[in-house]
Amino acid sequence: MKNTASTTAMTVFGIPHCDSVKKARLWLQDQGLAYHFHDFKKDGVPPAALDQWIQAVGWEVLLNRKGTTWRKLDPALQNSVDDAASAGALMQVQASVIKRPVVQWPDGRITVGFAPQSFADLLP
């Protein structure tokens, strides 16, 4: 979604039907902020971006161990995810295990998840 009220866009990564993603997108729209939406289901997980996110926030933050996708994984696979490389490999093939939304802000900051006050604090 692009909105011309702001000249600097950000990218919101996620799944369109995810409640947190919906809330974040609505909040951004309500603030008149322009953003591009990257749909994991249609467009996949960009490998270079995933590496950047892991470096920026840590794989432990990015990996959603509370979600349905994680809980449905074989326990042996869950136990094998114990570092950035194994987490990244899983996230690449199972995008639904990535905590959402991931937002790349215009200044380069990366955030994971949605909280209105946290988003507001990131605005200039």
PDB file of N, CA and C in Angstrom:
ATOM      1  N   MET A   1       0.843  -1.184   0.000  1.00  0.00           N
ATOM      2  CA  MET A   1       0.000   0.000   0.000  1.00  0.00           C
ATOM      3  C   MET A   1       0.875   1.228   0.000  1.00  0.00           C
ATOM      4  N   LYS A   2       0.628   2.111  -0.911  1.00  0.00           N
ATOM      5  CA  LYS A   2       1.361   3.370  -0.971  1.00  0.00           C
ATOM      6  C   LYS A   2       0.412   4.506  -0.616  1.00  0.00           C
ATOM      7  N   ASN A   3       0.927   5.452   0.134  1.00  0.00           N
ATOM      8  CA  ASN A   3       0.153   6.618   0.503  1.00  0.00           C
ATOM      9  C   ASN A   3       1.046   7.818   0.258  1.00  0.00           C
ATOM     10  N   THR A   4       0.560   8.792  -0.467  1.00  0.00           N
ATOM     11  CA  THR A   4       1.402   9.922  -0.819  1.00  0.00           C
ATOM     12  C   THR A   4       1.515  10.958   0.290  1.00  0.00           C
ATOM     13  N   ALA A   5       0.904  10.728   1.438  1.00  0.00           N
ATOM     14  CA  ALA A   5       0.997  11.677   2.548  1.00  0.00           C
ATOM     15  C   ALA A   5       2.411  11.766   3.095  1.00  0.00           C
ATOM     16  N   SER A   6       3.202  10.747   2.861  1.00  0.00           N
ATOM     17  CA  SER A   6       4.587  10.735   3.325  1.00  0.00           C
ATOM     18  C   SER A   6       5.474  10.428   2.133  1.00  0.00           C
ATOM     19  N   THR A   7       6.638  11.047   2.063  1.00  0.00           N
ATOM     20  CA  THR A   7       7.492  10.837   0.903  1.00  0.00           C
ATOM     21  C   THR A   7       8.484   9.697   1.111  1.00  0.00           C
ATOM     22  N   THR A   8       8.689   9.258   2.331  1.00  0.00           N
ATOM     23  CA  THR A   8       9.628   8.185   2.605  1.00  0.00           C
ATOM     24  C   THR A   8       8.851   6.947   3.015  1.00  0.00           C
ATOM     25  N   ALA A   9       9.016   5.880   2.226  1.00  0.00           N
ATOM     26  CA  ALA A   9       8.258   4.664   2.495  1.00  0.00           C
ATOM     27  C   ALA A   9       9.073   3.694   3.342  1.00  0.00           C
ATOM     28  N   MET A  10       8.353   2.798   3.944  1.00  0.00           N
ATOM     29  CA  MET A  10       8.949   1.712   4.700  1.00  0.00           C
ATOM     30  C   MET A  10       8.403   0.424   4.112  1.00  0.00           C
ATOM     31  N   THR A  11       8.964  -0.697   4.538  1.00  0.00           N
ATOM     32  CA  THR A  11       8.461  -1.985   4.085  1.00  0.00           C
ATOM     33  C   THR A  11       7.959  -2.770   5.277  1.00  0.00           C
ATOM     34  N   VAL A  12       6.751  -3.293   5.134  1.00  0.00           N
ATOM     35  CA  VAL A  12       6.135  -4.150   6.130  1.00  0.00           C
ATOM     36  C   VAL A  12       6.128  -5.552   5.535  1.00  0.00           C
ATOM     37  N   PHE A  13       6.749  -6.491   6.230  1.00  0.00           N
ATOM     38  CA  PHE A  13       6.822  -7.877   5.789  1.00  0.00           C
ATOM     39  C   PHE A  13       5.883  -8.710   6.649  1.00  0.00           C
ATOM     40  N   GLY A  14       5.138  -9.596   6.014  1.00  0.00           N
ATOM     41  CA  GLY A  14       4.263 -10.453   6.796  1.00  0.00           C
ATOM     42  C   GLY A  14       3.290 -11.227   5.939  1.00  0.00           C
ATOM     43  N   ILE A  15       2.202 -11.618   6.563  1.00  0.00           N
ATOM     44  CA  ILE A  15       1.149 -12.391   5.933  1.00  0.00           C
ATOM     45  C   ILE A  15      -0.125 -11.564   6.074  1.00  0.00           C
ATOM     46  N   PRO A  16      -0.854 -11.330   4.980  1.00  0.00           N
ATOM     47  CA  PRO A  16      -1.964 -10.384   5.030  1.00  0.00           C
ATOM     48  C   PRO A  16      -3.070 -10.713   6.027  1.00  0.00           C
ATOM     49  N   HIS A  17      -3.301 -11.969   6.317  1.00  0.00           N
ATOM     50  CA  HIS A  17      -4.398 -12.332   7.206  1.00  0.00           C
ATOM     51  C   HIS A  17      -3.981 -12.438   8.674  1.00  0.00           C
ATOM     52  N   CYS A  18      -2.721 -12.179   8.973  1.00  0.00           N
ATOM     53  CA  CYS A  18      -2.221 -12.185  10.353  1.00  0.00           C
ATOM     54  C   CYS A  18      -2.796 -10.973  11.088  1.00  0.00           C
ATOM     55  N   ASP A  19      -3.358 -11.198  12.273  1.00  0.00           N
ATOM     56  CA  ASP A  19      -3.967 -10.106  13.041  1.00  0.00           C
ATOM     57  C   ASP A  19      -2.977  -8.987  13.357  1.00  0.00           C
ATOM     58  N   SER A  20      -1.768  -9.337  13.746  1.00  0.00           N
ATOM     59  CA  SER A  20      -0.767  -8.314  14.071  1.00  0.00           C
ATOM     60  C   SER A  20      -0.395  -7.493  12.842  1.00  0.00           C
ATOM     61  N   VAL A  21      -0.297  -8.152  11.712  1.00  0.00           N
ATOM     62  CA  VAL A  21       0.017  -7.446  10.463  1.00  0.00           C
ATOM     63  C   VAL A  21      -1.133  -6.519  10.093  1.00  0.00           C
ATOM     64  N   LYS A  22      -2.352  -6.994  10.219  1.00  0.00           N
ATOM     65  CA  LYS A  22      -3.517  -6.157   9.917  1.00  0.00           C
ATOM     66  C   LYS A  22      -3.526  -4.911  10.798  1.00  0.00           C
ATOM     67  N   LYS A  23      -3.268  -5.099  12.090  1.00  0.00           N
ATOM     68  CA  LYS A  23      -3.269  -3.972  13.028  1.00  0.00           C
ATOM     69  C   LYS A  23      -2.164  -2.973  12.679  1.00  0.00           C
ATOM     70  N   ALA A  24      -0.993  -3.481  12.362  1.00  0.00           N
ATOM     71  CA  ALA A  24       0.127  -2.599  12.020  1.00  0.00           C
ATOM     72  C   ALA A  24      -0.170  -1.808  10.748  1.00  0.00           C
ATOM     73  N   ARG A  25      -0.702  -2.477   9.749  1.00  0.00           N
ATOM     74  CA  ARG A  25      -1.011  -1.802   8.481  1.00  0.00           C
ATOM     75  C   ARG A  25      -2.079  -0.733   8.682  1.00  0.00           C
ATOM     76  N   LEU A  26      -3.098  -1.044   9.463  1.00  0.00           N
ATOM     77  CA  LEU A  26      -4.148  -0.073   9.732  1.00  0.00           C
ATOM     78  C   LEU A  26      -3.586   1.127  10.499  1.00  0.00           C
ATOM     79  N   TRP A  27      -2.713   0.856  11.473  1.00  0.00           N
ATOM     80  CA  TRP A  27      -2.108   1.939  12.247  1.00  0.00           C
ATOM     81  C   TRP A  27      -1.292   2.845  11.328  1.00  0.00           C
ATOM     82  N   LEU A  28      -0.489   2.258  10.459  1.00  0.00           N
ATOM     83  CA  LEU A  28       0.320   3.055   9.528  1.00  0.00           C
ATOM     84  C   LEU A  28      -0.573   3.887   8.610  1.00  0.00           C
ATOM     85  N   GLN A  29      -1.640   3.282   8.106  1.00  0.00           N
ATOM     86  CA  GLN A  29      -2.586   4.021   7.252  1.00  0.00           C
ATOM     87  C   GLN A  29      -3.205   5.183   8.023  1.00  0.00           C
ATOM     88  N   ASP A  30      -3.609   4.930   9.257  1.00  0.00           N
ATOM     89  CA  ASP A  30      -4.225   5.976  10.081  1.00  0.00           C
ATOM     90  C   ASP A  30      -3.270   7.140  10.336  1.00  0.00           C
ATOM     91  N   GLN A  31      -1.965   6.851  10.335  1.00  0.00           N
ATOM     92  CA  GLN A  31      -0.970   7.905  10.538  1.00  0.00           C
ATOM     93  C   GLN A  31      -0.614   8.604   9.228  1.00  0.00           C
ATOM     94  N   GLY A  32      -1.153   8.109   8.113  1.00  0.00           N
ATOM     95  CA  GLY A  32      -0.844   8.696   6.810  1.00  0.00           C
ATOM     96  C   GLY A  32       0.547   8.350   6.322  1.00  0.00           C
ATOM     97  N   LEU A  33       1.080   7.225   6.775  1.00  0.00           N
ATOM     98  CA  LEU A  33       2.445   6.836   6.420  1.00  0.00           C
ATOM     99  C   LEU A  33       2.456   5.893   5.222  1.00  0.00           C
ATOM    100  N   ALA A  34       3.348   6.159   4.311  1.00  0.00           N
ATOM    101  CA  ALA A  34       3.496   5.316   3.129  1.00  0.00           C
ATOM    102  C   ALA A  34       4.293   4.072   3.481  1.00  0.00           C
ATOM    103  N   TYR A  35       3.901   2.948   2.904  1.00  0.00           N
ATOM    104  CA  TYR A  35       4.658   1.722   3.102  1.00  0.00           C
ATOM    105  C   TYR A  35       4.415   0.773   1.940  1.00  0.00           C
ATOM    106  N   HIS A  36       5.342  -0.126   1.778  1.00  0.00           N
ATOM    107  CA  HIS A  36       5.207  -1.211   0.809  1.00  0.00           C
ATOM    108  C   HIS A  36       4.960  -2.476   1.620  1.00  0.00           C
ATOM    109  N   PHE A  37       4.015  -3.297   1.179  1.00  0.00           N
ATOM    110  CA  PHE A  37       3.749  -4.552   1.867  1.00  0.00           C
ATOM    111  C   PHE A  37       4.366  -5.697   1.091  1.00  0.00           C
ATOM    112  N   HIS A  38       5.186  -6.499   1.782  1.00  0.00           N
ATOM    113  CA  HIS A  38       5.812  -7.687   1.190  1.00  0.00           C
ATOM    114  C   HIS A  38       5.137  -8.904   1.810  1.00  0.00           C
ATOM    115  N   ASP A  39       4.416  -9.644   0.981  1.00  0.00           N
ATOM    116  CA  ASP A  39       3.645 -10.807   1.410  1.00  0.00           C
ATOM    117  C   ASP A  39       4.517 -12.058   1.368  1.00  0.00           C
ATOM    118  N   PHE A  40       4.789 -12.623   2.537  1.00  0.00           N
ATOM    119  CA  PHE A  40       5.599 -13.844   2.600  1.00  0.00           C
ATOM    120  C   PHE A  40       4.988 -14.977   1.784  1.00  0.00           C
ATOM    121  N   LYS A  41       3.668 -15.083   1.782  1.00  0.00           N
ATOM    122  CA  LYS A  41       3.005 -16.192   1.084  1.00  0.00           C
ATOM    123  C   LYS A  41       3.170 -16.078  -0.430  1.00  0.00           C
ATOM    124  N   LYS A  42       3.066 -14.868  -0.963  1.00  0.00           N
ATOM    125  CA  LYS A  42       3.160 -14.669  -2.416  1.00  0.00           C
ATOM    126  C   LYS A  42       4.602 -14.451  -2.885  1.00  0.00           C
ATOM    127  N   ASP A  43       5.374 -13.713  -2.097  1.00  0.00           N
ATOM    128  CA  ASP A  43       6.697 -13.269  -2.538  1.00  0.00           C
ATOM    129  C   ASP A  43       7.855 -13.969  -1.859  1.00  0.00           C
ATOM    130  N   GLY A  44       7.573 -14.824  -0.881  1.00  0.00           N
ATOM    131  CA  GLY A  44       8.631 -15.529  -0.177  1.00  0.00           C
ATOM    132  C   GLY A  44       9.381 -14.633   0.796  1.00  0.00           C
ATOM    133  N   VAL A  45      10.387 -15.209   1.399  1.00  0.00           N
ATOM    134  CA  VAL A  45      11.225 -14.486   2.355  1.00  0.00           C
ATOM    135  C   VAL A  45      12.525 -14.130   1.649  1.00  0.00           C
ATOM    136  N   PRO A  46      12.822 -12.845   1.506  1.00  0.00           N
ATOM    137  CA  PRO A  46      14.066 -12.457   0.833  1.00  0.00           C
ATOM    138  C   PRO A  46      15.276 -12.873   1.678  1.00  0.00           C
ATOM    139  N   PRO A  47      16.136 -13.748   1.137  1.00  0.00           N
ATOM    140  CA  PRO A  47      17.271 -14.251   1.935  1.00  0.00           C
ATOM    141  C   PRO A  47      18.163 -13.157   2.513  1.00  0.00           C
ATOM    142  N   ALA A  48      18.479 -12.143   1.727  1.00  0.00           N
ATOM    143  CA  ALA A  48      19.356 -11.076   2.229  1.00  0.00           C
ATOM    144  C   ALA A  48      18.678 -10.298   3.350  1.00  0.00           C
ATOM    145  N   ALA A  49      17.371 -10.072   3.204  1.00  0.00           N
ATOM    146  CA  ALA A  49      16.633  -9.359   4.252  1.00  0.00           C
ATOM    147  C   ALA A  49      16.582 -10.201   5.519  1.00  0.00           C
ATOM    148  N   LEU A  50      16.346 -11.503   5.382  1.00  0.00           N
ATOM    149  CA  LEU A  50      16.299 -12.390   6.544  1.00  0.00           C
ATOM    150  C   LEU A  50      17.619 -12.342   7.302  1.00  0.00           C
ATOM    151  N   ASP A  51      18.725 -12.395   6.593  1.00  0.00           N
ATOM    152  CA  ASP A  51      20.039 -12.295   7.238  1.00  0.00           C
ATOM    153  C   ASP A  51      20.179 -10.966   7.983  1.00  0.00           C
ATOM    154  N   GLN A  52      19.705  -9.901   7.364  1.00  0.00           N
ATOM    155  CA  GLN A  52      19.778  -8.575   7.991  1.00  0.00           C
ATOM    156  C   GLN A  52      18.928  -8.538   9.260  1.00  0.00           C
ATOM    157  N   TRP A  53      17.741  -9.123   9.213  1.00  0.00           N
ATOM    158  CA  TRP A  53      16.865  -9.126  10.381  1.00  0.00           C
ATOM    159  C   TRP A  53      17.492  -9.903  11.527  1.00  0.00           C
ATOM    160  N   ILE A  54      18.065 -11.048  11.197  1.00  0.00           N
ATOM    161  CA  ILE A  54      18.696 -11.873  12.235  1.00  0.00           C
ATOM    162  C   ILE A  54      19.837 -11.107  12.886  1.00  0.00           C
ATOM    163  N   GLN A  55      20.624 -10.390  12.078  1.00  0.00           N
ATOM    164  CA  GLN A  55      21.720  -9.593  12.635  1.00  0.00           C
ATOM    165  C   GLN A  55      21.194  -8.436  13.475  1.00  0.00           C
ATOM    166  N   ALA A  56      20.097  -7.830  13.032  1.00  0.00           N
ATOM    167  CA  ALA A  56      19.574  -6.636  13.707  1.00  0.00           C
ATOM    168  C   ALA A  56      18.864  -6.949  15.023  1.00  0.00           C
ATOM    169  N   VAL A  57      18.034  -7.994  15.036  1.00  0.00           N
ATOM    170  CA  VAL A  57      17.212  -8.247  16.230  1.00  0.00           C
ATOM    171  C   VAL A  57      17.516  -9.570  16.913  1.00  0.00           C
ATOM    172  N   GLY A  58      18.245 -10.443  16.243  1.00  0.00           N
ATOM    173  CA  GLY A  58      18.548 -11.758  16.798  1.00  0.00           C
ATOM    174  C   GLY A  58      17.524 -12.790  16.371  1.00  0.00           C
ATOM    175  N   TRP A  59      17.996 -13.987  16.120  1.00  0.00           N
ATOM    176  CA  TRP A  59      17.098 -15.046  15.651  1.00  0.00           C
ATOM    177  C   TRP A  59      16.061 -15.440  16.687  1.00  0.00           C
ATOM    178  N   GLU A  60      16.418 -15.296  17.973  1.00  0.00           N
ATOM    179  CA  GLU A  60      15.490 -15.661  19.038  1.00  0.00           C
ATOM    180  C   GLU A  60      14.255 -14.765  19.042  1.00  0.00           C
ATOM    181  N   VAL A  61      14.440 -13.487  18.722  1.00  0.00           N
ATOM    182  CA  VAL A  61      13.328 -12.541  18.655  1.00  0.00           C
ATOM    183  C   VAL A  61      12.481 -12.810  17.410  1.00  0.00           C
ATOM    184  N   LEU A  62      13.137 -13.115  16.322  1.00  0.00           N
ATOM    185  CA  LEU A  62      12.468 -13.294  15.035  1.00  0.00           C
ATOM    186  C   LEU A  62      11.676 -14.599  14.950  1.00  0.00           C
ATOM    187  N   LEU A  63      12.111 -15.615  15.654  1.00  0.00           N
ATOM    188  CA  LEU A  63      11.465 -16.928  15.599  1.00  0.00           C
ATOM    189  C   LEU A  63      10.247 -16.946  16.527  1.00  0.00           C
ATOM    190  N   ASN A  64       9.080 -17.198  15.947  1.00  0.00           N
ATOM    191  CA  ASN A  64       7.842 -17.215  16.716  1.00  0.00           C
ATOM    192  C   ASN A  64       7.574 -18.627  17.221  1.00  0.00           C
ATOM    193  N   ARG A  65       7.966 -18.869  18.445  1.00  0.00           N
ATOM    194  CA  ARG A  65       7.766 -20.193  19.047  1.00  0.00           C
ATOM    195  C   ARG A  65       6.379 -20.350  19.668  1.00  0.00           C
ATOM    196  N   LYS A  66       5.573 -19.305  19.631  1.00  0.00           N
ATOM    197  CA  LYS A  66       4.232 -19.371  20.209  1.00  0.00           C
ATOM    198  C   LYS A  66       3.165 -19.668  19.162  1.00  0.00           C
ATOM    199  N   GLY A  67       3.522 -19.572  17.900  1.00  0.00           N
ATOM    200  CA  GLY A  67       2.545 -19.720  16.834  1.00  0.00           C
ATOM    201  C   GLY A  67       2.201 -21.163  16.503  1.00  0.00           C
ATOM    202  N   THR A  68       1.111 -21.311  15.777  1.00  0.00           N
ATOM    203  CA  THR A  68       0.615 -22.623  15.375  1.00  0.00           C
ATOM    204  C   THR A  68       1.631 -23.372  14.521  1.00  0.00           C
ATOM    205  N   THR A  69       2.276 -22.677  13.599  1.00  0.00           N
ATOM    206  CA  THR A  69       3.229 -23.351  12.712  1.00  0.00           C
ATOM    207  C   THR A  69       4.341 -24.005  13.516  1.00  0.00           C
ATOM    208  N   TRP A  70       4.898 -23.291  14.488  1.00  0.00           N
ATOM    209  CA  TRP A  70       5.969 -23.839  15.322  1.00  0.00           C
ATOM    210  C   TRP A  70       5.465 -25.042  16.121  1.00  0.00           C
ATOM    211  N   ARG A  71       4.302 -24.898  16.708  1.00  0.00           N
ATOM    212  CA  ARG A  71       3.764 -25.977  17.549  1.00  0.00           C
ATOM    213  C   ARG A  71       3.482 -27.247  16.750  1.00  0.00           C
ATOM    214  N   LYS A  72       3.205 -27.085  15.461  1.00  0.00           N
ATOM    215  CA  LYS A  72       2.913 -28.250  14.618  1.00  0.00           C
ATOM    216  C   LYS A  72       4.170 -28.930  14.071  1.00  0.00           C
ATOM    217  N   LEU A  73       5.320 -28.290  14.233  1.00  0.00           N
ATOM    218  CA  LEU A  73       6.562 -28.890  13.752  1.00  0.00           C
ATOM    219  C   LEU A  73       6.927 -30.117  14.584  1.00  0.00           C
ATOM    220  N   ASP A  74       7.598 -31.037  13.948  1.00  0.00           N
ATOM    221  CA  ASP A  74       8.107 -32.214  14.637  1.00  0.00           C
ATOM    222  C   ASP A  74       9.043 -31.762  15.762  1.00  0.00           C
ATOM    223  N   PRO A  75       8.914 -32.356  16.954  1.00  0.00           N
ATOM    224  CA  PRO A  75       9.784 -31.959  18.074  1.00  0.00           C
ATOM    225  C   PRO A  75      11.274 -32.064  17.747  1.00  0.00           C
ATOM    226  N   ALA A  76      11.659 -33.032  16.945  1.00  0.00           N
ATOM    227  CA  ALA A  76      13.076 -33.156  16.572  1.00  0.00           C
ATOM    228  C   ALA A  76      13.520 -31.943  15.760  1.00  0.00           C
ATOM    229  N   LEU A  77      12.649 -31.456  14.867  1.00  0.00           N
ATOM    230  CA  LEU A  77      12.980 -30.268  14.088  1.00  0.00           C
ATOM    231  C   LEU A  77      13.044 -29.046  15.003  1.00  0.00           C
ATOM    232  N   GLN A  78      12.096 -28.932  15.912  1.00  0.00           N
ATOM    233  CA  GLN A  78      12.122 -27.817  16.867  1.00  0.00           C
ATOM    234  C   GLN A  78      13.435 -27.812  17.649  1.00  0.00           C
ATOM    235  N   ASN A  79      13.833 -28.972  18.124  1.00  0.00           N
ATOM    236  CA  ASN A  79      15.064 -29.075  18.925  1.00  0.00           C
ATOM    237  C   ASN A  79      16.317 -28.802  18.112  1.00  0.00           C
ATOM    238  N   SER A  80      16.234 -28.972  16.793  1.00  0.00           N
ATOM    239  CA  SER A  80      17.414 -28.740  15.953  1.00  0.00           C
ATOM    240  C   SER A  80      17.645 -27.246  15.688  1.00  0.00           C
ATOM    241  N   VAL A  81      16.668 -26.414  16.011  1.00  0.00           N
ATOM    242  CA  VAL A  81      16.808 -24.967  15.810  1.00  0.00           C
ATOM    243  C   VAL A  81      17.449 -24.388  17.060  1.00  0.00           C
ATOM    244  N   ASP A  82      18.767 -24.208  16.981  1.00  0.00           N
ATOM    245  CA  ASP A  82      19.497 -23.771  18.164  1.00  0.00           C
ATOM    246  C   ASP A  82      20.537 -22.693  17.889  1.00  0.00           C
ATOM    247  N   ASP A  83      20.513 -22.122  16.677  1.00  0.00           N
ATOM    248  CA  ASP A  83      21.425 -21.030  16.356  1.00  0.00           C
ATOM    249  C   ASP A  83      20.872 -20.253  15.164  1.00  0.00           C
ATOM    250  N   ALA A  84      21.556 -19.179  14.793  1.00  0.00           N
ATOM    251  CA  ALA A  84      21.078 -18.318  13.711  1.00  0.00           C
ATOM    252  C   ALA A  84      20.975 -19.065  12.385  1.00  0.00           C
ATOM    253  N   ALA A  85      21.922 -19.934  12.106  1.00  0.00           N
ATOM    254  CA  ALA A  85      21.911 -20.651  10.827  1.00  0.00           C
ATOM    255  C   ALA A  85      20.720 -21.597  10.728  1.00  0.00           C
ATOM    256  N   SER A  86      20.473 -22.374  11.769  1.00  0.00           N
ATOM    257  CA  SER A  86      19.358 -23.324  11.722  1.00  0.00           C
ATOM    258  C   SER A  86      18.014 -22.592  11.754  1.00  0.00           C
ATOM    259  N   ALA A  87      17.927 -21.515  12.511  1.00  0.00           N
ATOM    260  CA  ALA A  87      16.693 -20.730  12.550  1.00  0.00           C
ATOM    261  C   ALA A  87      16.431 -20.088  11.193  1.00  0.00           C
ATOM    262  N   GLY A  88      17.470 -19.531  10.592  1.00  0.00           N
ATOM    263  CA  GLY A  88      17.330 -18.905   9.276  1.00  0.00           C
ATOM    264  C   GLY A  88      16.902 -19.899   8.211  1.00  0.00           C
ATOM    265  N   ALA A  89      17.470 -21.090   8.261  1.00  0.00           N
ATOM    266  CA  ALA A  89      17.094 -22.120   7.290  1.00  0.00           C
ATOM    267  C   ALA A  89      15.622 -22.487   7.438  1.00  0.00           C
ATOM    268  N   LEU A  90      15.155 -22.624   8.669  1.00  0.00           N
ATOM    269  CA  LEU A  90      13.754 -22.941   8.902  1.00  0.00           C
ATOM    270  C   LEU A  90      12.856 -21.795   8.432  1.00  0.00           C
ATOM    271  N   MET A  91      13.213 -20.565   8.772  1.00  0.00           N
ATOM    272  CA  MET A  91      12.410 -19.408   8.394  1.00  0.00           C
ATOM    273  C   MET A  91      12.319 -19.253   6.881  1.00  0.00           C
ATOM    274  N   GLN A  92      13.371 -19.650   6.191  1.00  0.00           N
ATOM    275  CA  GLN A  92      13.378 -19.534   4.736  1.00  0.00           C
ATOM    276  C   GLN A  92      12.331 -20.456   4.115  1.00  0.00           C
ATOM    277  N   VAL A  93      12.148 -21.638   4.668  1.00  0.00           N
ATOM    278  CA  VAL A  93      11.201 -22.594   4.088  1.00  0.00           C
ATOM    279  C   VAL A  93       9.831 -22.569   4.774  1.00  0.00           C
ATOM    280  N   GLN A  94       9.761 -22.071   5.984  1.00  0.00           N
ATOM    281  CA  GLN A  94       8.505 -21.986   6.748  1.00  0.00           C
ATOM    282  C   GLN A  94       8.324 -20.536   7.210  1.00  0.00           C
ATOM    283  N   ALA A  95       7.947 -19.663   6.293  1.00  0.00           N
ATOM    284  CA  ALA A  95       7.834 -18.238   6.618  1.00  0.00           C
ATOM    285  C   ALA A  95       6.889 -17.964   7.779  1.00  0.00           C
ATOM    286  N   SER A  96       5.946 -18.851   8.009  1.00  0.00           N
ATOM    287  CA  SER A  96       4.978 -18.630   9.085  1.00  0.00           C
ATOM    288  C   SER A  96       5.594 -18.711  10.475  1.00  0.00           C
ATOM    289  N   VAL A  97       6.829 -19.183  10.599  1.00  0.00           N
ATOM    290  CA  VAL A  97       7.477 -19.199  11.913  1.00  0.00           C
ATOM    291  C   VAL A  97       8.172 -17.868  12.235  1.00  0.00           C
ATOM    292  N   ILE A  98       8.104 -16.930  11.295  1.00  0.00           N
ATOM    293  CA  ILE A  98       8.680 -15.607  11.542  1.00  0.00           C
ATOM    294  C   ILE A  98       7.642 -14.767  12.283  1.00  0.00           C
ATOM    295  N   LYS A  99       8.055 -14.188  13.396  1.00  0.00           N
ATOM    296  CA  LYS A  99       7.160 -13.305  14.138  1.00  0.00           C
ATOM    297  C   LYS A  99       6.847 -12.100  13.256  1.00  0.00           C
ATOM    298  N   ARG A 100       5.589 -11.683  13.278  1.00  0.00           N
ATOM    299  CA  ARG A 100       5.147 -10.648  12.359  1.00  0.00           C
ATOM    300  C   ARG A 100       4.477  -9.487  13.099  1.00  0.00           C
ATOM    301  N   PRO A 101       4.457  -8.344  12.419  1.00  0.00           N
ATOM    302  CA  PRO A 101       5.147  -8.001  11.190  1.00  0.00           C
ATOM    303  C   PRO A 101       6.615  -7.678  11.446  1.00  0.00           C
ATOM    304  N   VAL A 102       7.402  -7.826  10.411  1.00  0.00           N
ATOM    305  CA  VAL A 102       8.771  -7.307  10.417  1.00  0.00           C
ATOM    306  C   VAL A 102       8.692  -6.007   9.630  1.00  0.00           C
ATOM    307  N   VAL A 103       9.174  -4.925  10.227  1.00  0.00           N
ATOM    308  CA  VAL A 103       9.113  -3.623   9.555  1.00  0.00           C
ATOM    309  C   VAL A 103      10.522  -3.094   9.373  1.00  0.00           C
ATOM    310  N   GLN A 104      10.820  -2.742   8.138  1.00  0.00           N
ATOM    311  CA  GLN A 104      12.069  -2.043   7.851  1.00  0.00           C
ATOM    312  C   GLN A 104      11.706  -0.576   7.703  1.00  0.00           C
ATOM    313  N   TRP A 105      12.121   0.223   8.682  1.00  0.00           N
ATOM    314  CA  TRP A 105      11.797   1.639   8.740  1.00  0.00           C
ATOM    315  C   TRP A 105      12.690   2.414   7.786  1.00  0.00           C
ATOM    316  N   PRO A 106      12.266   3.606   7.366  1.00  0.00           N
ATOM    317  CA  PRO A 106      13.054   4.393   6.410  1.00  0.00           C
ATOM    318  C   PRO A 106      14.493   4.658   6.853  1.00  0.00           C
ATOM    319  N   ASP A 107      14.725   4.736   8.161  1.00  0.00           N
ATOM    320  CA  ASP A 107      16.091   5.002   8.644  1.00  0.00           C
ATOM    321  C   ASP A 107      16.918   3.723   8.776  1.00  0.00           C
ATOM    322  N   GLY A 108      16.343   2.566   8.371  1.00  0.00           N
ATOM    323  CA  GLY A 108      17.081   1.314   8.408  1.00  0.00           C
ATOM    324  C   GLY A 108      16.816   0.450   9.616  1.00  0.00           C
ATOM    325  N   ARG A 109      16.139   0.994  10.623  1.00  0.00           N
ATOM    326  CA  ARG A 109      15.828   0.183  11.797  1.00  0.00           C
ATOM    327  C   ARG A 109      14.875  -0.942  11.426  1.00  0.00           C
ATOM    328  N   ILE A 110      14.990  -2.035  12.167  1.00  0.00           N
ATOM    329  CA  ILE A 110      14.141  -3.205  11.975  1.00  0.00           C
ATOM    330  C   ILE A 110      13.382  -3.432  13.270  1.00  0.00           C
ATOM    331  N   THR A 111      12.058  -3.600  13.156  1.00  0.00           N
ATOM    332  CA  THR A 111      11.262  -3.968  14.319  1.00  0.00           C
ATOM    333  C   THR A 111      10.483  -5.238  14.001  1.00  0.00           C
ATOM    334  N   VAL A 112      10.151  -5.961  15.047  1.00  0.00           N
ATOM    335  CA  VAL A 112       9.403  -7.213  14.916  1.00  0.00           C
ATOM    336  C   VAL A 112       8.209  -7.140  15.857  1.00  0.00           C
ATOM    337  N   GLY A 113       7.027  -7.454  15.329  1.00  0.00           N
ATOM    338  CA  GLY A 113       5.812  -7.379  16.123  1.00  0.00           C
ATOM    339  C   GLY A 113       5.202  -5.993  16.021  1.00  0.00           C
ATOM    340  N   PHE A 114       4.040  -5.840  16.632  1.00  0.00           N
ATOM    341  CA  PHE A 114       3.348  -4.558  16.586  1.00  0.00           C
ATOM    342  C   PHE A 114       2.877  -4.139  17.960  1.00  0.00           C
ATOM    343  N   ALA A 115       3.227  -2.926  18.313  1.00  0.00           N
ATOM    344  CA  ALA A 115       2.707  -2.251  19.500  1.00  0.00           C
ATOM    345  C   ALA A 115       2.575  -0.777  19.108  1.00  0.00           C
ATOM    346  N   PRO A 116       1.368  -0.217  19.180  1.00  0.00           N
ATOM    347  CA  PRO A 116       1.169   1.161  18.722  1.00  0.00           C
ATOM    348  C   PRO A 116       2.159   2.153  19.320  1.00  0.00           C
ATOM    349  N   GLN A 117       2.416   2.070  20.621  1.00  0.00           N
ATOM    350  CA  GLN A 117       3.324   3.043  21.234  1.00  0.00           C
ATOM    351  C   GLN A 117       4.753   2.888  20.719  1.00  0.00           C
ATOM    352  N   SER A 118       5.182   1.644  20.510  1.00  0.00           N
ATOM    353  CA  SER A 118       6.521   1.413  19.965  1.00  0.00           C
ATOM    354  C   SER A 118       6.655   1.996  18.567  1.00  0.00           C
ATOM    355  N   PHE A 119       5.618   1.820  17.759  1.00  0.00           N
ATOM    356  CA  PHE A 119       5.640   2.388  16.410  1.00  0.00           C
ATOM    357  C   PHE A 119       5.672   3.913  16.498  1.00  0.00           C
ATOM    358  N   ALA A 120       4.837   4.482  17.352  1.00  0.00           N
ATOM    359  CA  ALA A 120       4.780   5.938  17.496  1.00  0.00           C
ATOM    360  C   ALA A 120       6.136   6.486  17.931  1.00  0.00           C
ATOM    361  N   ASP A 121       6.819   5.765  18.806  1.00  0.00           N
ATOM    362  CA  ASP A 121       8.136   6.203  19.291  1.00  0.00           C
ATOM    363  C   ASP A 121       9.182   6.239  18.176  1.00  0.00           C
ATOM    364  N   LEU A 122       8.961   5.491  17.106  1.00  0.00           N
ATOM    365  CA  LEU A 122       9.912   5.437  15.997  1.00  0.00           C
ATOM    366  C   LEU A 122       9.694   6.553  14.974  1.00  0.00           C
ATOM    367  N   LEU A 123       8.595   7.264  15.093  1.00  0.00           N
ATOM    368  CA  LEU A 123       8.322   8.343  14.146  1.00  0.00           C
ATOM    369  C   LEU A 123       9.153   9.564  14.481  1.00  0.00           C
ATOM    370  N   PRO A 124       9.544  10.305  13.439  1.00  0.00           N
ATOM    371  CA  PRO A 124      10.330  11.519  13.685  1.00  0.00           C
ATOM    372  C   PRO A 124       9.547  12.586  14.421  1.00  0.00           C
TER     373      PRO A 124
END
